[in-house]
Protein backbone atom coordinates (compact mmCIF):
# COMPACT_ATOMS: atom_id res chain seq x y z
CA MET A 1 29.47 -92.77 135.75
CA LYS A 2 29.10 -91.53 139.31
CA ARG A 3 28.77 -87.88 140.13
CA LEU A 4 30.45 -86.10 143.05
CA VAL A 5 27.89 -84.63 145.42
CA ALA A 6 28.38 -81.04 146.70
CA PHE A 7 29.09 -80.74 150.43
CA ALA A 8 25.74 -79.11 151.12
CA ALA A 9 23.91 -81.83 149.24
CA ILE A 10 25.76 -84.48 151.20
CA LEU A 11 24.66 -82.99 154.45
CA ALA A 12 21.10 -82.73 153.22
CA SER A 13 21.05 -86.26 151.91
CA VAL A 14 22.13 -87.81 155.20
CA GLY A 15 18.67 -87.03 156.55
CA THR A 16 16.76 -88.34 153.50
CA LEU A 17 16.78 -92.04 154.38
CA ALA A 18 13.38 -91.82 156.01
CA ALA A 19 12.05 -89.05 153.73
CA GLN A 20 12.83 -90.97 150.58
CA ARG A 21 10.79 -94.03 151.55
CA VAL A 22 8.14 -94.80 148.98
CA GLU A 23 4.69 -95.32 150.36
CA VAL A 24 3.30 -98.25 148.36
CA HIS A 25 -0.17 -99.70 148.67
CA GLU A 26 -0.19 -103.45 147.85
CA GLU A 27 -3.32 -105.32 146.89
CA ILE A 28 -3.59 -109.01 145.90
CA LEU A 29 -6.64 -109.90 143.78
CA SER A 30 -8.44 -113.18 144.26
CA ASN A 31 -6.85 -114.57 141.04
CA GLY A 32 -3.38 -113.83 142.43
CA LEU A 33 -2.52 -110.69 140.46
CA LYS A 34 -0.59 -108.17 142.59
CA LEU A 35 -1.29 -104.43 142.36
CA LEU A 36 1.15 -101.78 143.66
CA ILE A 37 0.01 -98.17 143.86
CA VAL A 38 1.97 -95.00 144.63
CA GLU A 39 -0.10 -91.81 144.86
CA ARG A 40 1.63 -88.65 143.57
CA ARG A 41 -0.68 -85.79 142.78
CA GLU A 42 1.83 -83.27 141.41
CA SER A 43 0.59 -83.56 137.83
CA PRO A 44 -2.57 -85.07 136.23
CA THR A 45 -0.74 -88.06 134.78
CA VAL A 46 -0.14 -91.65 135.80
CA VAL A 47 2.53 -94.09 134.68
CA CYS A 48 1.05 -97.57 134.33
CA GLY A 49 2.93 -100.82 133.97
CA TRP A 50 2.71 -104.56 134.49
CA VAL A 51 5.41 -107.17 134.66
CA VAL A 52 5.24 -110.88 133.92
CA HIS A 53 7.64 -112.90 136.05
CA VAL A 54 9.16 -114.64 133.05
CA GLY A 55 12.30 -114.10 131.06
CA SER A 56 14.83 -116.07 129.14
CA VAL A 57 15.83 -117.88 132.35
CA ASN A 58 12.46 -119.68 132.17
CA GLU A 59 13.06 -121.04 128.68
CA ARG A 60 14.80 -124.21 127.56
CA PRO A 61 16.86 -125.27 124.57
CA GLY A 62 14.47 -125.43 121.61
CA ILE A 63 12.41 -122.39 122.63
CA THR A 64 15.11 -119.87 123.55
CA GLY A 65 13.90 -116.35 122.65
CA MET A 66 10.30 -117.21 123.47
CA ALA A 67 9.92 -114.57 126.21
CA HIS A 68 11.25 -111.86 123.93
CA LEU A 69 9.05 -113.02 121.08
CA PHE A 70 6.07 -112.60 123.40
CA GLU A 71 7.01 -109.01 123.99
CA HIS A 72 6.35 -108.52 120.26
CA MET A 73 3.22 -110.68 120.17
CA MET A 74 1.44 -108.85 123.02
CA PHE A 75 1.09 -105.81 120.74
CA LYS A 76 -0.77 -107.77 118.03
CA GLY A 77 -4.21 -107.21 119.47
CA THR A 78 -7.15 -109.14 120.89
CA ARG A 79 -10.55 -110.32 119.63
CA ALA A 80 -11.75 -106.70 119.77
CA ILE A 81 -8.53 -104.80 118.88
CA GLY A 82 -6.33 -104.94 115.83
CA ILE A 83 -8.69 -106.74 113.41
CA LYS A 84 -11.25 -105.93 110.68
CA ASP A 85 -12.54 -109.46 110.10
CA TYR A 86 -11.91 -111.68 113.12
CA GLN A 87 -13.24 -114.90 111.62
CA ARG A 88 -11.22 -114.55 108.44
CA GLY A 89 -8.11 -113.74 110.51
CA ILE A 90 -8.54 -117.01 112.46
CA GLU A 91 -8.92 -118.96 109.23
CA ILE A 92 -5.68 -117.51 107.88
CA GLN A 93 -3.86 -118.28 111.12
CA LEU A 94 -4.96 -121.93 111.05
CA ARG A 95 -3.85 -122.31 107.49
CA GLN A 96 -0.48 -120.81 108.39
CA ASP A 97 -0.13 -123.36 111.20
CA GLU A 98 -0.87 -126.19 108.76
CA ILE A 99 1.71 -124.99 106.29
CA ARG A 100 4.30 -124.46 109.00
CA ALA A 101 3.72 -128.07 110.23
CA GLU A 102 4.37 -129.32 106.67
CA MET A 103 7.53 -127.18 106.50
CA GLU A 104 8.74 -128.69 109.73
CA LYS A 105 8.78 -132.13 108.15
CA GLU A 106 11.12 -130.79 105.46
CA TYR A 107 13.31 -129.05 108.06
CA ALA A 108 13.57 -132.32 110.05
CA GLU A 109 15.09 -134.02 107.00
CA LEU A 110 17.47 -131.08 106.50
CA ARG A 111 18.61 -131.29 110.11
CA GLU A 112 19.47 -134.93 109.52
CA LYS A 113 21.45 -134.00 106.40
CA LEU A 114 23.28 -131.25 108.31
CA LEU A 115 24.24 -133.69 111.07
CA ARG A 116 25.61 -136.13 108.45
CA GLY A 117 27.59 -133.42 106.64
CA ARG A 118 25.50 -133.60 103.45
CA ILE A 119 24.70 -129.87 103.56
CA GLU A 120 26.53 -126.87 105.07
CA GLY A 121 25.49 -123.71 106.83
CA SER A 122 21.97 -123.45 108.24
CA ILE A 123 18.91 -125.51 107.34
CA TYR A 124 17.16 -122.13 106.89
CA ASP A 125 19.65 -120.88 104.25
CA ALA A 126 18.08 -120.30 100.85
CA GLU A 127 20.58 -122.57 99.10
CA ASN A 128 19.49 -125.54 101.31
CA MET A 129 15.79 -125.07 100.70
CA THR A 130 14.09 -128.07 99.04
CA PRO A 131 11.62 -127.62 96.15
CA ARG A 132 8.73 -128.52 98.47
CA LEU A 133 9.97 -125.97 101.03
CA ARG A 134 10.00 -123.30 98.36
CA GLU A 135 6.38 -124.07 97.46
CA LEU A 136 5.26 -124.01 101.10
CA ARG A 137 7.23 -120.86 101.81
CA ALA A 138 5.65 -119.09 98.85
CA GLU A 139 2.17 -120.05 100.07
CA LEU A 140 3.00 -118.85 103.57
CA VAL A 141 4.18 -115.46 102.24
CA GLU A 142 0.90 -115.11 100.32
CA LEU A 143 -0.96 -115.71 103.56
CA PHE A 144 1.19 -113.07 105.24
CA GLU A 145 -0.03 -110.60 102.68
CA GLU A 146 -3.63 -111.69 102.97
CA GLU A 147 -3.46 -111.36 106.76
CA LYS A 148 -2.26 -107.76 106.38
CA GLN A 149 -5.57 -106.95 104.65
CA VAL A 150 -7.73 -107.92 107.65
CA ILE A 151 -5.66 -106.56 110.54
CA VAL A 152 -5.26 -103.06 111.97
CA PRO A 153 -1.51 -102.83 112.81
CA THR A 154 -0.40 -100.90 115.90
CA GLU A 155 -4.01 -100.24 116.97
CA ILE A 156 -3.05 -100.50 120.64
CA ASP A 157 -0.56 -97.69 120.17
CA GLN A 158 -3.12 -95.71 118.17
CA ILE A 159 -5.74 -95.95 120.90
CA TYR A 160 -3.38 -94.75 123.62
CA THR A 161 -1.94 -91.95 121.46
CA ARG A 162 -5.43 -90.70 120.54
CA GLU A 163 -6.30 -90.51 124.24
CA GLY A 164 -3.16 -88.55 125.18
CA GLY A 165 -0.92 -91.45 126.10
CA SER A 166 2.83 -91.59 125.38
CA SER A 167 5.93 -93.78 125.74
CA LEU A 168 4.09 -97.05 125.17
CA ASN A 169 6.79 -99.69 125.24
CA ALA A 170 8.05 -102.96 126.71
CA PHE A 171 11.27 -104.80 127.52
CA THR A 172 12.40 -108.33 128.10
CA THR A 173 15.37 -109.40 130.24
CA GLU A 174 16.67 -112.67 131.57
CA ASP A 175 14.17 -112.53 134.45
CA GLN A 176 11.10 -110.44 133.46
CA THR A 177 8.97 -109.01 130.69
CA ALA A 178 7.42 -105.59 131.36
CA TYR A 179 4.91 -103.35 129.59
CA PHE A 180 4.23 -99.68 130.35
CA VAL A 181 2.69 -96.42 129.19
CA ASN A 182 2.21 -92.84 130.43
CA LEU A 183 -1.41 -91.61 130.45
CA PRO A 184 -3.57 -88.68 131.56
CA SER A 185 -4.97 -89.72 134.90
CA ASN A 186 -8.55 -89.53 133.62
CA LYS A 187 -7.74 -92.35 131.20
CA LEU A 188 -6.91 -94.90 133.88
CA GLU A 189 -10.01 -97.03 133.21
CA LEU A 190 -8.95 -97.25 129.56
CA TRP A 191 -5.66 -98.75 130.68
CA PHE A 192 -7.33 -101.32 132.91
CA TRP A 193 -9.71 -102.37 130.17
CA LEU A 194 -7.17 -102.54 127.36
CA GLU A 195 -4.39 -104.28 129.29
CA SER A 196 -6.75 -106.83 130.86
CA ASP A 197 -8.13 -107.50 127.35
CA ARG A 198 -4.59 -108.15 126.09
CA LEU A 199 -4.29 -110.83 128.83
CA LEU A 200 -7.81 -112.26 128.63
CA GLU A 201 -8.29 -112.56 124.87
CA PRO A 202 -4.92 -112.16 123.09
CA VAL A 203 -4.66 -113.15 119.44
CA PHE A 204 -1.20 -113.92 118.17
CA ARG A 205 -1.62 -112.44 114.69
CA GLU A 206 1.24 -112.34 112.16
CA PHE A 207 2.98 -114.90 114.34
CA TYR A 208 5.32 -116.38 111.76
CA ALA A 209 5.89 -113.01 110.05
CA GLU A 210 6.78 -111.51 113.43
CA ARG A 211 9.05 -114.40 114.21
CA ASP A 212 10.95 -113.47 111.03
CA VAL A 213 11.07 -109.84 112.30
CA VAL A 214 12.70 -111.08 115.52
CA ARG A 215 15.15 -113.16 113.51
CA GLU A 216 16.07 -110.03 111.56
CA GLU A 217 16.37 -108.10 114.80
CA ARG A 218 18.84 -110.70 116.02
CA ARG A 219 20.83 -110.31 112.80
CA LEU A 220 20.95 -106.53 113.26
CA ARG A 221 21.55 -106.28 116.94
CA VAL A 222 23.88 -109.24 117.41
CA GLU A 223 25.26 -110.74 114.24
CA SER A 224 25.93 -107.40 112.49
CA THR A 225 27.53 -105.64 115.45
CA PRO A 226 31.31 -105.72 115.92
CA THR A 227 31.31 -107.82 119.10
CA GLY A 228 27.78 -109.26 119.29
CA ARG A 229 28.60 -112.89 118.61
CA LEU A 230 31.74 -112.75 120.76
CA ASP A 231 29.71 -111.28 123.61
CA GLU A 232 27.25 -114.21 123.31
CA GLN A 233 30.06 -116.73 123.38
CA PHE A 234 31.65 -115.05 126.38
CA SER A 235 28.31 -115.20 128.22
CA ALA A 236 27.77 -118.83 127.26
CA MET A 237 31.30 -119.66 128.52
CA PHE A 238 30.62 -117.86 131.79
CA TRP A 239 27.30 -119.61 132.63
CA GLN A 240 27.96 -123.29 132.92
CA SER A 241 24.76 -124.67 134.44
CA ALA A 242 22.33 -121.86 135.28
CA PRO A 243 19.86 -121.16 132.46
CA TYR A 244 21.39 -117.75 131.69
CA SER A 245 23.80 -119.07 129.05
CA TRP A 246 21.58 -118.28 126.05
CA PRO A 247 20.84 -114.75 124.93
CA VAL A 248 17.53 -113.08 125.69
CA ILE A 249 16.82 -112.73 121.95
CA GLY A 250 17.39 -116.50 121.63
CA TRP A 251 19.61 -118.71 119.46
CA ALA A 252 18.92 -118.28 115.74
CA SER A 253 17.95 -121.93 115.22
CA ASP A 254 15.30 -121.72 117.95
CA VAL A 255 13.88 -118.36 116.87
CA GLU A 256 13.35 -119.74 113.38
CA SER A 257 11.53 -122.88 114.58
CA ILE A 258 9.19 -121.76 117.42
CA THR A 259 5.56 -122.63 116.62
CA ARG A 260 2.37 -120.86 117.53
CA GLY A 261 1.31 -123.93 119.51
CA GLN A 262 4.45 -123.70 121.68
CA ALA A 263 3.77 -120.01 122.14
CA GLU A 264 0.23 -120.64 123.36
CA GLU A 265 1.44 -123.21 125.87
CA PHE A 266 4.04 -120.71 127.12
CA PHE A 267 1.38 -118.01 127.46
CA ASP A 268 -0.99 -120.24 129.42
CA VAL A 269 1.67 -121.04 132.03
CA TYR A 270 3.48 -117.73 132.43
CA TYR A 271 0.97 -115.04 131.46
CA ALA A 272 -1.51 -116.00 134.16
CA PRO A 273 -2.54 -113.31 136.67
CA ASN A 274 -0.88 -115.15 139.54
CA ASN A 275 2.44 -114.53 137.77
CA ILE A 276 1.89 -110.81 137.11
CA THR A 277 2.34 -107.57 139.07
CA ALA A 278 0.78 -104.28 138.00
CA VAL A 279 2.17 -100.89 139.13
CA LEU A 280 0.57 -97.42 139.07
CA VAL A 281 2.48 -94.25 140.01
CA GLY A 282 1.03 -90.81 139.75
CA ASP A 283 -2.27 -88.98 140.05
CA VAL A 284 -4.37 -91.95 141.10
CA ASP A 285 -6.89 -92.62 143.86
CA THR A 286 -6.02 -95.93 145.50
CA ARG A 287 -9.62 -96.94 146.26
CA GLU A 288 -10.75 -96.26 142.74
CA ALA A 289 -7.78 -98.05 141.23
CA VAL A 290 -8.41 -101.15 143.36
CA ALA A 291 -12.04 -101.19 142.24
CA LEU A 292 -10.98 -100.93 138.56
CA ALA A 293 -8.43 -103.70 139.06
CA GLU A 294 -11.12 -105.98 140.51
CA ARG A 295 -13.50 -105.13 137.68
CA TYR A 296 -11.07 -105.68 134.80
CA PHE A 297 -8.04 -107.71 135.90
CA GLY A 298 -10.21 -109.69 138.28
CA ARG A 299 -12.07 -111.26 135.38
CA ILE A 300 -8.96 -113.10 134.16
CA PRO A 301 -8.94 -116.66 135.52
CA LYS A 302 -6.03 -117.86 137.59
CA GLY A 303 -3.55 -120.14 135.82
CA GLU A 304 -4.37 -123.85 135.94
CA VAL A 305 -0.76 -124.72 136.79
CA ASP A 306 1.87 -122.70 138.61
CA PRO A 307 4.99 -121.70 136.62
CA PRO A 308 7.68 -124.31 137.30
CA PRO A 309 10.49 -123.05 139.58
CA VAL A 310 14.05 -122.52 138.34
CA ILE A 311 16.06 -125.18 140.22
CA THR A 312 19.31 -125.41 138.23
CA PHE A 313 21.75 -123.01 139.86
CA GLU A 314 25.23 -122.14 138.71
CA VAL A 315 27.94 -124.65 139.69
CA GLU A 316 31.02 -123.43 141.51
CA GLN A 317 33.76 -122.27 139.15
CA LEU A 318 37.01 -124.10 139.85
CA ALA A 319 39.40 -122.76 137.22
CA GLU A 320 40.00 -119.60 135.24
CA ARG A 321 38.42 -119.46 131.74
CA ARG A 322 39.55 -117.40 128.78
CA LEU A 323 38.19 -116.24 125.43
CA ILE A 324 40.34 -114.52 122.81
CA GLY A 325 38.66 -113.27 119.67
CA GLN A 326 39.07 -110.79 116.81
CA ALA A 327 36.47 -108.23 115.88
CA ASP A 328 36.07 -104.90 114.09
CA THR A 329 36.46 -103.06 117.35
CA ASN A 330 39.04 -101.36 119.58
CA PRO A 331 41.18 -103.90 121.51
CA SER A 332 39.91 -104.46 125.05
CA VAL A 333 40.13 -106.60 128.15
CA THR A 334 37.13 -107.80 130.21
CA VAL A 335 37.34 -109.72 133.46
CA ARG A 336 34.11 -111.19 134.92
CA PHE A 337 33.57 -112.95 138.25
CA PRO A 338 30.57 -114.89 139.53
CA ALA A 339 28.77 -112.75 142.11
CA THR A 340 25.49 -112.52 143.97
CA PRO A 341 21.83 -112.80 142.97
CA PHE A 342 19.37 -110.03 143.82
CA ASN A 343 19.22 -108.94 147.46
CA HIS A 344 21.92 -111.34 148.65
CA ARG A 345 23.53 -110.29 151.92
CA ASP A 346 26.84 -109.54 150.08
CA THR A 347 25.16 -107.51 147.38
CA PHE A 348 25.55 -104.13 149.08
CA ALA A 349 29.22 -104.50 149.84
CA LEU A 350 29.77 -105.52 146.19
CA GLN A 351 27.85 -102.49 144.99
CA LEU A 352 30.21 -100.18 146.87
CA LEU A 353 33.19 -102.19 145.67
CA SER A 354 32.04 -101.67 142.10
CA GLY A 355 31.49 -97.98 142.79
CA ALA A 356 35.08 -97.64 144.03
CA LEU A 357 36.29 -98.82 140.63
CA SER A 358 33.86 -96.83 138.45
CA GLY A 359 33.77 -93.43 136.86
CA ARG A 360 36.40 -90.79 136.22
CA THR A 361 37.05 -90.43 139.94
CA GLY A 362 37.23 -94.22 140.39
CA ARG A 363 40.27 -96.37 140.91
CA LEU A 364 40.34 -97.87 137.41
CA TYR A 365 40.37 -94.55 135.59
CA GLN A 366 43.00 -93.07 137.89
CA ALA A 367 45.27 -96.13 137.74
CA LEU A 368 44.85 -97.38 134.19
CA VAL A 369 44.30 -94.12 132.24
CA GLU A 370 46.05 -91.41 134.22
CA GLU A 371 48.88 -93.17 136.08
CA LYS A 372 49.94 -96.29 134.11
CA GLN A 373 48.52 -95.09 130.77
CA VAL A 374 47.62 -98.62 129.59
CA ALA A 375 43.92 -97.80 128.83
CA VAL A 376 41.94 -95.19 126.98
CA GLY A 377 38.36 -93.96 127.31
CA GLN A 378 36.55 -94.72 130.51
CA PRO A 379 37.08 -98.17 132.05
CA GLY A 380 33.92 -99.82 133.29
CA ALA A 381 32.95 -101.69 136.42
CA GLY A 382 29.54 -103.01 137.28
CA LEU A 383 27.62 -105.48 139.41
CA ARG A 384 24.91 -107.30 137.51
CA GLU A 385 22.32 -108.85 139.82
CA LEU A 386 19.91 -111.40 138.38
CA LYS A 387 17.23 -113.40 140.08
CA TYR A 388 19.21 -116.62 140.36
CA GLY A 389 22.80 -115.42 140.02
CA GLY A 390 24.96 -112.47 139.10
CA TYR A 391 28.39 -111.23 138.17
CA LEU A 392 30.89 -108.45 138.79
CA GLN A 393 32.67 -107.27 135.67
CA VAL A 394 35.50 -104.84 134.95
CA SER A 395 36.73 -103.86 131.50
CA ALA A 396 38.81 -101.30 129.62
CA GLU A 397 40.17 -100.54 126.13
CA VAL A 398 43.86 -101.04 125.39
CA LYS A 399 45.81 -97.89 124.64
CA GLU A 400 47.66 -97.85 121.32
CA GLU A 401 51.25 -99.22 121.65
CA ARG A 402 50.32 -101.04 124.87
CA THR A 403 49.38 -104.73 125.14
CA HIS A 404 46.43 -106.74 126.36
CA ARG A 405 48.72 -108.38 128.96
CA GLU A 406 49.81 -104.99 130.33
CA LEU A 407 46.20 -103.85 130.67
CA GLU A 408 45.04 -107.11 132.21
CA ASP A 409 47.87 -107.06 134.74
CA ALA A 410 47.00 -103.45 135.70
CA LEU A 411 43.29 -104.39 136.05
CA LEU A 412 44.08 -107.37 138.28
CA GLU A 413 46.46 -105.25 140.34
CA GLU A 414 43.65 -102.88 141.21
CA LEU A 415 41.36 -105.78 142.09
CA ARG A 416 44.10 -107.30 144.27
CA ARG A 417 44.44 -104.05 146.20
CA LEU A 418 40.76 -104.31 147.19
CA THR A 419 41.38 -107.78 148.66
CA GLU A 420 44.40 -106.60 150.72
CA GLU A 421 43.67 -103.00 151.70
CA PRO A 422 40.37 -101.75 153.18
CA LEU A 423 38.88 -98.57 151.71
CA SER A 424 39.62 -95.44 153.71
CA GLU A 425 36.75 -94.02 155.66
CA ARG A 426 36.77 -90.97 153.44
CA GLU A 427 36.48 -93.03 150.23
CA LEU A 428 33.80 -95.26 151.70
CA GLN A 429 31.71 -92.33 152.89
CA LYS A 430 31.97 -90.64 149.48
CA LEU A 431 30.71 -93.86 147.82
CA LYS A 432 27.84 -94.12 150.30
CA ASN A 433 26.86 -90.51 149.70
CA GLN A 434 26.88 -91.07 145.94
CA GLU A 435 24.72 -94.18 146.26
CA LEU A 436 22.30 -92.35 148.54
CA ALA A 437 22.01 -89.35 146.22
CA ASP A 438 21.61 -91.60 143.15
CA SER A 439 18.86 -93.70 144.78
CA PHE A 440 17.04 -90.57 145.95
CA ARG A 441 17.20 -89.04 142.46
CA ARG A 442 15.84 -92.22 140.85
CA LEU A 443 12.77 -92.02 143.06
CA GLN A 444 11.84 -88.54 141.87
CA ASN A 445 10.82 -89.60 138.37
CA ASN A 446 7.52 -91.50 138.20
CA PHE A 447 8.55 -93.48 135.15
CA PHE A 448 11.76 -94.79 136.74
CA LEU A 449 9.94 -95.51 139.96
CA VAL A 450 7.51 -97.73 138.03
CA ILE A 451 10.38 -99.53 136.32
CA GLN A 452 12.17 -100.13 139.63
CA LEU A 453 9.03 -101.47 141.27
CA LEU A 454 8.35 -103.77 138.33
CA ILE A 455 11.86 -105.14 138.33
CA TYR A 456 12.28 -105.53 142.09
CA ASP A 457 8.89 -107.25 142.51
CA SER A 458 9.68 -109.70 139.69
CA PHE A 459 13.01 -110.41 141.39
CA GLY A 460 11.07 -111.25 144.54
CA ASP A 461 10.63 -108.18 146.76
CA TRP A 462 9.61 -104.63 145.78
CA ARG A 463 10.40 -103.50 149.36
CA TYR A 464 14.05 -103.52 148.33
CA ILE A 465 13.43 -99.98 147.02
CA ASN A 466 13.00 -98.79 150.65
CA GLU A 467 15.43 -101.18 152.35
CA ALA A 468 18.50 -100.93 150.09
CA PRO A 469 19.69 -97.38 151.06
CA GLY A 470 19.84 -98.27 154.72
CA ARG A 471 21.64 -101.52 154.08
CA ILE A 472 24.22 -99.81 151.89
CA GLN A 473 24.86 -97.24 154.62
CA ALA A 474 25.50 -100.07 157.05
CA VAL A 475 28.33 -101.63 155.02
CA THR A 476 31.80 -101.42 156.56
CA ALA A 477 35.23 -101.23 154.92
CA LYS A 478 35.99 -104.58 156.50
CA GLU A 479 33.03 -106.19 154.77
CA ILE A 480 34.09 -104.82 151.39
CA LYS A 481 37.55 -106.24 151.88
CA GLN A 482 36.07 -109.59 152.83
CA VAL A 483 33.76 -109.91 149.82
CA ALA A 484 36.64 -108.79 147.57
CA GLY A 485 38.68 -111.71 148.81
CA ARG A 486 35.79 -114.11 148.48
CA TYR A 487 34.52 -113.13 145.00
CA LEU A 488 37.69 -111.91 143.20
CA ALA A 489 39.70 -115.08 143.60
CA PRO A 490 41.98 -116.04 140.63
CA GLU A 491 40.11 -119.29 139.92
CA LYS A 492 36.86 -117.34 139.56
CA ARG A 493 38.10 -115.20 136.63
CA ASN A 494 36.54 -115.25 133.19
CA VAL A 495 38.75 -113.19 130.90
CA ALA A 496 37.99 -111.95 127.40
CA TRP A 497 40.56 -110.32 125.11
CA TYR A 498 39.04 -108.66 122.07
CA LEU A 499 41.66 -108.03 119.36
CA ARG A 500 41.12 -105.60 116.53
CA ARG A 501 40.74 -107.55 113.31
CA GLU A 502 43.47 -106.87 110.79
CA GLY A 503 42.45 -104.02 108.52
CA ALA A 504 39.62 -102.85 110.79
CA GLU A 505 39.26 -99.11 111.44
CA PRO A 506 39.35 -97.80 115.01
CA GLU A 507 35.95 -97.06 116.51
CA ASP A 508 34.51 -93.58 116.72
CA PRO A 509 36.41 -91.71 119.49
CA GLU A 510 33.08 -90.41 120.79
CA LEU A 511 31.83 -93.97 121.22
CA ALA A 512 35.10 -94.96 122.90
CA ALA A 513 34.66 -92.06 125.36
CA LEU A 514 31.33 -93.48 126.62
CA PRO A 515 31.42 -95.70 129.77
CA GLU A 516 32.44 -99.19 128.69
CA GLN A 517 29.27 -100.88 130.04
CA MET A 518 27.09 -98.73 127.79
CA ARG A 519 28.95 -99.35 124.55
CA PRO A 520 27.39 -102.78 123.64
CA MET A 521 23.90 -101.28 123.77
CA VAL A 522 25.01 -98.25 121.71
CA ARG A 523 26.71 -100.49 119.15
CA GLN A 524 23.41 -102.44 118.71
CA GLN A 525 21.55 -99.22 118.13
CA LEU A 526 24.12 -98.04 115.62
CA ALA A 527 23.83 -101.28 113.65
CA ALA A 528 20.07 -100.92 113.47
CA ILE A 529 20.39 -97.23 112.42
CA ASP A 530 22.85 -98.07 109.66
CA GLN A 531 20.52 -100.79 108.27
CA GLU A 532 17.37 -98.61 108.27
CA THR A 533 16.51 -97.04 104.91
CA ASP A 534 13.09 -95.56 105.72
CA PRO A 535 13.44 -91.88 106.80
CA GLU A 536 9.97 -91.92 108.37
CA LYS A 537 10.93 -94.81 110.69
CA LEU A 538 14.18 -92.99 111.54
CA GLU A 539 12.20 -89.85 112.40
CA GLN A 540 9.95 -91.94 114.69
CA GLY A 541 13.03 -93.45 116.32
CA LEU A 542 14.54 -90.00 116.77
CA SER A 543 11.35 -88.77 118.43
CA ARG A 544 11.37 -91.71 120.89
CA THR A 545 15.05 -91.15 121.59
CA LEU A 546 14.54 -87.46 122.35
CA GLN A 547 11.66 -88.37 124.68
CA MET A 548 13.93 -90.84 126.42
CA MET A 549 16.60 -88.21 126.85
CA GLU A 550 14.32 -86.29 129.23
CA GLN A 551 13.82 -89.36 131.43
CA VAL A 552 17.13 -91.12 131.67
CA PRO A 553 19.58 -90.56 134.57
CA PRO A 554 22.41 -88.04 133.92
CA GLU A 555 25.02 -90.81 133.59
CA VAL A 556 23.11 -92.36 130.69
CA ARG A 557 22.35 -89.10 128.85
CA PRO A 558 25.61 -88.90 126.84
CA ALA A 559 24.87 -92.30 125.29
CA VAL A 560 21.31 -91.27 124.34
CA GLU A 561 22.56 -87.95 122.90
CA TYR A 562 25.13 -89.85 120.82
CA ILE A 563 22.42 -92.18 119.41
CA ALA A 564 20.15 -89.20 118.61
CA ARG A 565 22.99 -87.50 116.73
CA LYS A 566 23.69 -90.70 114.69
CA ILE A 567 20.00 -90.97 113.75
CA ARG A 568 20.03 -87.40 112.51
CA GLU A 569 23.18 -88.10 110.46
CA ARG A 570 21.53 -91.20 108.95
CA ILE A 571 18.42 -89.15 108.00
CA GLU A 572 20.59 -86.48 106.41
CA ALA A 573 22.57 -89.09 104.47
CA LEU A 574 19.41 -90.64 103.14
CA SER A 575 18.01 -87.25 102.18
CA GLY A 576 21.21 -86.44 100.34
CA SER A 577 21.09 -89.67 98.33
CA GLU A 578 17.43 -89.03 97.35
CA GLU A 579 18.35 -85.53 96.08
CA GLU A 580 21.16 -86.95 93.98
CA ASN A 581 18.77 -89.41 92.39
């Protein structure tokens, strides 16, 4: 959701293009690790992060979900952290690997039976489990419990918290995996030591137990949400050749079969220092930070082989594709078009085109909600740039008593207008001012600056953070009209109609009022909240959500506030049920 900028702020922002440049010191260590440093001495804290240039796009069928699984595994500790008895822990892990290899022989036979129609469902369903599998599974579970006795769970988090750190977290996307924490600036050496230790001597403890946790996460965040599986199928339909067609969390059959050996091979290739960028923003001395980087990160050997390049690009789409599905959700229409990868020459015109459609002052809201009254809530429009591809998507919810066809026709009419009529100079300048003010605001928060640098560098060029505002200001109305004609062609459409399943209740009006592009994430969070029965974990989640609320951009805040309110309601409901008992 874009915000209108006051006239005085617009005048002030015109002169900020040079002032908002971020002065970044770049250092490349001898082992290939890149270090980016931004000195900001306003407060005695530093936000520290590092990004591995690997995501789901670097996987292959059979190991989908591996990058996300690693996000979990990197918090399991090292030889020195997270363990009481290192040798016993290794013995347990080796025995787990042996049992899992025996189980795989049984699963191979079940796969053959599944292919021949002799069993139904999944080979991992309890009803398909062979007697031998039951024995092996029981022994594996016993080892899970034994391993718990020799490990120190969450010790990395405990160390940072004890030393004044906060917001330790990580994320995985299609193109990168990033880790970050906020620390007092006098604890910078702790960060260098601990993070380099995670890379130098990681130990993948609780591997198979954590793999089960990820499988459960997939069930909660995808399979148990109203549109999760349909969203996956729409994405798989959209991507025909580029390796973006599988979800970041992975396909269920892959998540359940990944082995520790495969994980170690993946780590050796992608978690090498020559495939990593570290970023520091805050109260930091550059010379001291470089010396610490050499001392700690510099001891990690360079990878023996370079990560293989992604060479399979998306084929040209020649015909419209459609998906029509029923779900326990409000009826909606989504139209997606292939667009540009990160930093493509057409990216900036497409960003402004998307901005013209977005928000309550955008064309979609005015035309679909206010004028034609075929949609409710806030229609969404967004440009998603990935490293090797991208898409432009528009969507809206169907108003009661109106049809999907009426809404789709109205959506396409607004897109057609962009291909035939250039934006007015006034509308274009307003969009540029909004983009300039938004980019300037994002640079003021150290946390979001770190995230931007991590993402942009993993995409290929952190300097985008300084170059993008000027390139957006240079876009003309003619260029926007040209890219609209090139990218919004009828044969490029991918259309999804979501129909409300018969008997399903309408979604919460507050959820429907959120910007459409935020709702899938919120639905995932709601599913996890509804499944959680531990009030203590909910309290921890509420605390993290409230911390996040202070950091997110204004347009995201309503979604975070809604999630926080739902967590409180869940805590109250559980408390009430305990009192009744």
